[in-house]
Amino acid sequence: MNAMDRESINKLEDIFRKHLNHTKPEKGENLESVTLFKEIEEILCRAVCEWTEVPLAESEISKRTEQLSNMIDGSGGTGPRYHKGSKST
């Protein structure tokens, strides 16, 4: 719970904004559409890993984003949804 004090939350907000503002423009330049939810998942993954000082190699981003997303989504589910989230590691 030490990570949940105002100073720490402000740091997370700053890191999130940094990653949001520095997303790679080339990802969306040649696309007809962008799935905002998927893009935000990756930005959140990058921000949270930096905030918690968890090393995140560029080659791991897709896998780690999917794992974190499944854990969050699965925590509120039952059956297959829960199982998918609990087996994300």
C-alpha atoms as a PDB file:
ATOM      1  CA  MET A   1       0.000   0.000   0.000  1.00  0.00           C
ATOM      2  CA  ASN A   2       3.022   2.314   0.209  1.00  0.00           C
ATOM      3  CA  ALA A   3       2.724   2.738  -3.546  1.00  0.00           C
ATOM      4  CA  MET A   4      -0.716   4.252  -3.122  1.00  0.00           C
ATOM      5  CA  ASP A   5       0.243   7.524  -1.432  1.00  0.00           C
ATOM      6  CA  ARG A   6      -0.378  10.814  -3.249  1.00  0.00           C
ATOM      7  CA  GLU A   7       3.262  11.290  -4.259  1.00  0.00           C
ATOM      8  CA  SER A   8       3.456   7.824  -5.776  1.00  0.00           C
ATOM      9  CA  ILE A   9       0.143   8.226  -7.627  1.00  0.00           C
ATOM     10  CA  ASN A  10       1.347  11.566  -9.014  1.00  0.00           C
ATOM     11  CA  LYS A  11       4.501   9.839 -10.237  1.00  0.00           C
ATOM     12  CA  LEU A  12       2.416   7.177 -11.994  1.00  0.00           C
ATOM     13  CA  GLU A  13       0.285   9.878 -13.633  1.00  0.00           C
ATOM     14  CA  ASP A  14       3.414  11.639 -14.894  1.00  0.00           C
ATOM     15  CA  ILE A  15       4.882   8.412 -16.257  1.00  0.00           C
ATOM     16  CA  PHE A  16       1.575   7.526 -17.949  1.00  0.00           C
ATOM     17  CA  ARG A  17       1.411  10.964 -19.616  1.00  0.00           C
ATOM     18  CA  LYS A  18       5.007  10.586 -20.783  1.00  0.00           C
ATOM     19  CA  HIS A  19       4.251   7.251 -22.434  1.00  0.00           C
ATOM     20  CA  LEU A  20       0.970   8.521 -23.853  1.00  0.00           C
ATOM     21  CA  ASN A  21       2.698  11.517 -25.408  1.00  0.00           C
ATOM     22  CA  HIS A  22       5.618   9.490 -26.751  1.00  0.00           C
ATOM     23  CA  THR A  23       3.825   6.648 -28.460  1.00  0.00           C
ATOM     24  CA  LYS A  24       5.353   5.806 -31.789  1.00  0.00           C
ATOM     25  CA  PRO A  25       3.590   7.895 -34.451  1.00  0.00           C
ATOM     26  CA  GLU A  26       4.474   5.364 -37.133  1.00  0.00           C
ATOM     27  CA  LYS A  27       2.181   2.823 -35.481  1.00  0.00           C
ATOM     28  CA  GLY A  28      -0.882   4.728 -36.614  1.00  0.00           C
ATOM     29  CA  GLU A  29       0.255   6.726 -39.609  1.00  0.00           C
ATOM     30  CA  ASN A  30      -0.421   4.060 -42.229  1.00  0.00           C
ATOM     31  CA  LEU A  31      -3.422   2.456 -40.580  1.00  0.00           C
ATOM     32  CA  GLU A  32      -7.030   3.071 -41.513  1.00  0.00           C
ATOM     33  CA  SER A  33      -8.004   2.665 -37.882  1.00  0.00           C
ATOM     34  CA  VAL A  34      -6.484   2.242 -34.454  1.00  0.00           C
ATOM     35  CA  THR A  35      -7.969   0.165 -31.643  1.00  0.00           C
ATOM     36  CA  LEU A  36      -7.680   2.625 -28.773  1.00  0.00           C
ATOM     37  CA  PHE A  37      -8.245  -0.005 -26.077  1.00  0.00           C
ATOM     38  CA  LYS A  38      -5.270  -2.103 -27.276  1.00  0.00           C
ATOM     39  CA  GLU A  39      -3.048   0.954 -27.586  1.00  0.00           C
ATOM     40  CA  ILE A  40      -3.929   2.131 -24.075  1.00  0.00           C
ATOM     41  CA  GLU A  41      -3.282  -1.358 -22.668  1.00  0.00           C
ATOM     42  CA  GLU A  42       0.280  -1.190 -23.972  1.00  0.00           C
ATOM     43  CA  ILE A  43       0.802   2.351 -22.689  1.00  0.00           C
ATOM     44  CA  LEU A  44      -0.471   1.306 -19.251  1.00  0.00           C
ATOM     45  CA  CYS A  45       1.805  -1.739 -19.251  1.00  0.00           C
ATOM     46  CA  ARG A  46       4.833   0.399 -20.062  1.00  0.00           C
ATOM     47  CA  ALA A  47       3.892   3.001 -17.448  1.00  0.00           C
ATOM     48  CA  VAL A  48       3.197   0.531 -14.647  1.00  0.00           C
ATOM     49  CA  CYS A  49       6.410  -1.386 -15.294  1.00  0.00           C
ATOM     50  CA  GLU A  50       8.424   1.828 -15.179  1.00  0.00           C
ATOM     51  CA  TRP A  51       6.552   3.029 -12.072  1.00  0.00           C
ATOM     52  CA  THR A  52       7.211  -0.224 -10.213  1.00  0.00           C
ATOM     53  CA  GLU A  53      10.766  -0.419 -11.588  1.00  0.00           C
ATOM     54  CA  VAL A  54      10.108  -3.737 -13.302  1.00  0.00           C
ATOM     55  CA  PRO A  55      12.473  -4.129 -16.260  1.00  0.00           C
ATOM     56  CA  LEU A  56      10.616  -4.434 -19.562  1.00  0.00           C
ATOM     57  CA  ALA A  57      12.508  -5.253 -22.731  1.00  0.00           C
ATOM     58  CA  GLU A  58      11.039  -3.994 -25.994  1.00  0.00           C
ATOM     59  CA  SER A  59      10.743  -7.609 -27.173  1.00  0.00           C
ATOM     60  CA  GLU A  60       8.526  -8.437 -24.150  1.00  0.00           C
ATOM     61  CA  ILE A  61       5.984  -5.670 -24.472  1.00  0.00           C
ATOM     62  CA  SER A  62       3.286  -7.544 -26.407  1.00  0.00           C
ATOM     63  CA  LYS A  63       3.474 -10.612 -24.180  1.00  0.00           C
ATOM     64  CA  ARG A  64       3.531  -8.650 -20.905  1.00  0.00           C
ATOM     65  CA  THR A  65       0.702  -6.381 -22.041  1.00  0.00           C
ATOM     66  CA  GLU A  66      -1.454  -9.404 -22.828  1.00  0.00           C
ATOM     67  CA  GLN A  67      -0.593 -11.055 -19.512  1.00  0.00           C
ATOM     68  CA  LEU A  68      -1.431  -7.983 -17.445  1.00  0.00           C
ATOM     69  CA  SER A  69      -4.631  -7.404 -19.377  1.00  0.00           C
ATOM     70  CA  ASN A  70      -5.729 -11.017 -18.892  1.00  0.00           C
ATOM     71  CA  MET A  71      -4.989 -10.880 -15.158  1.00  0.00           C
ATOM     72  CA  ILE A  72      -7.025  -7.698 -14.716  1.00  0.00           C
ATOM     73  CA  ASP A  73      -9.908  -8.902 -16.872  1.00  0.00           C
ATOM     74  CA  GLY A  74      -9.887 -12.401 -15.392  1.00  0.00           C
ATOM     75  CA  SER A  75      -9.953 -11.231 -11.785  1.00  0.00           C
ATOM     76  CA  GLY A  76     -13.575 -10.194 -12.207  1.00  0.00           C
ATOM     77  CA  GLY A  77     -14.673 -13.259 -14.102  1.00  0.00           C
ATOM     78  CA  THR A  78     -15.556 -16.861 -13.569  1.00  0.00           C
ATOM     79  CA  GLY A  79     -14.936 -20.031 -15.505  1.00  0.00           C
ATOM     80  CA  PRO A  80     -12.755 -19.731 -18.628  1.00  0.00           C
ATOM     81  CA  ARG A  81     -12.276 -15.976 -18.223  1.00  0.00           C
ATOM     82  CA  TYR A  82     -10.927 -16.418 -14.688  1.00  0.00           C
ATOM     83  CA  HIS A  83      -8.783 -19.381 -15.721  1.00  0.00           C
ATOM     84  CA  LYS A  84      -7.234 -17.403 -18.595  1.00  0.00           C
ATOM     85  CA  GLY A  85      -6.349 -14.545 -16.238  1.00  0.00           C
ATOM     86  CA  SER A  86      -4.936 -16.793 -13.533  1.00  0.00           C
ATOM     87  CA  LYS A  87      -2.697 -18.632 -16.011  1.00  0.00           C
ATOM     88  CA  SER A  88      -1.224 -15.499 -17.623  1.00  0.00           C
ATOM     89  CA  THR A  89       2.271 -15.881 -16.237  1.00  0.00           C
END
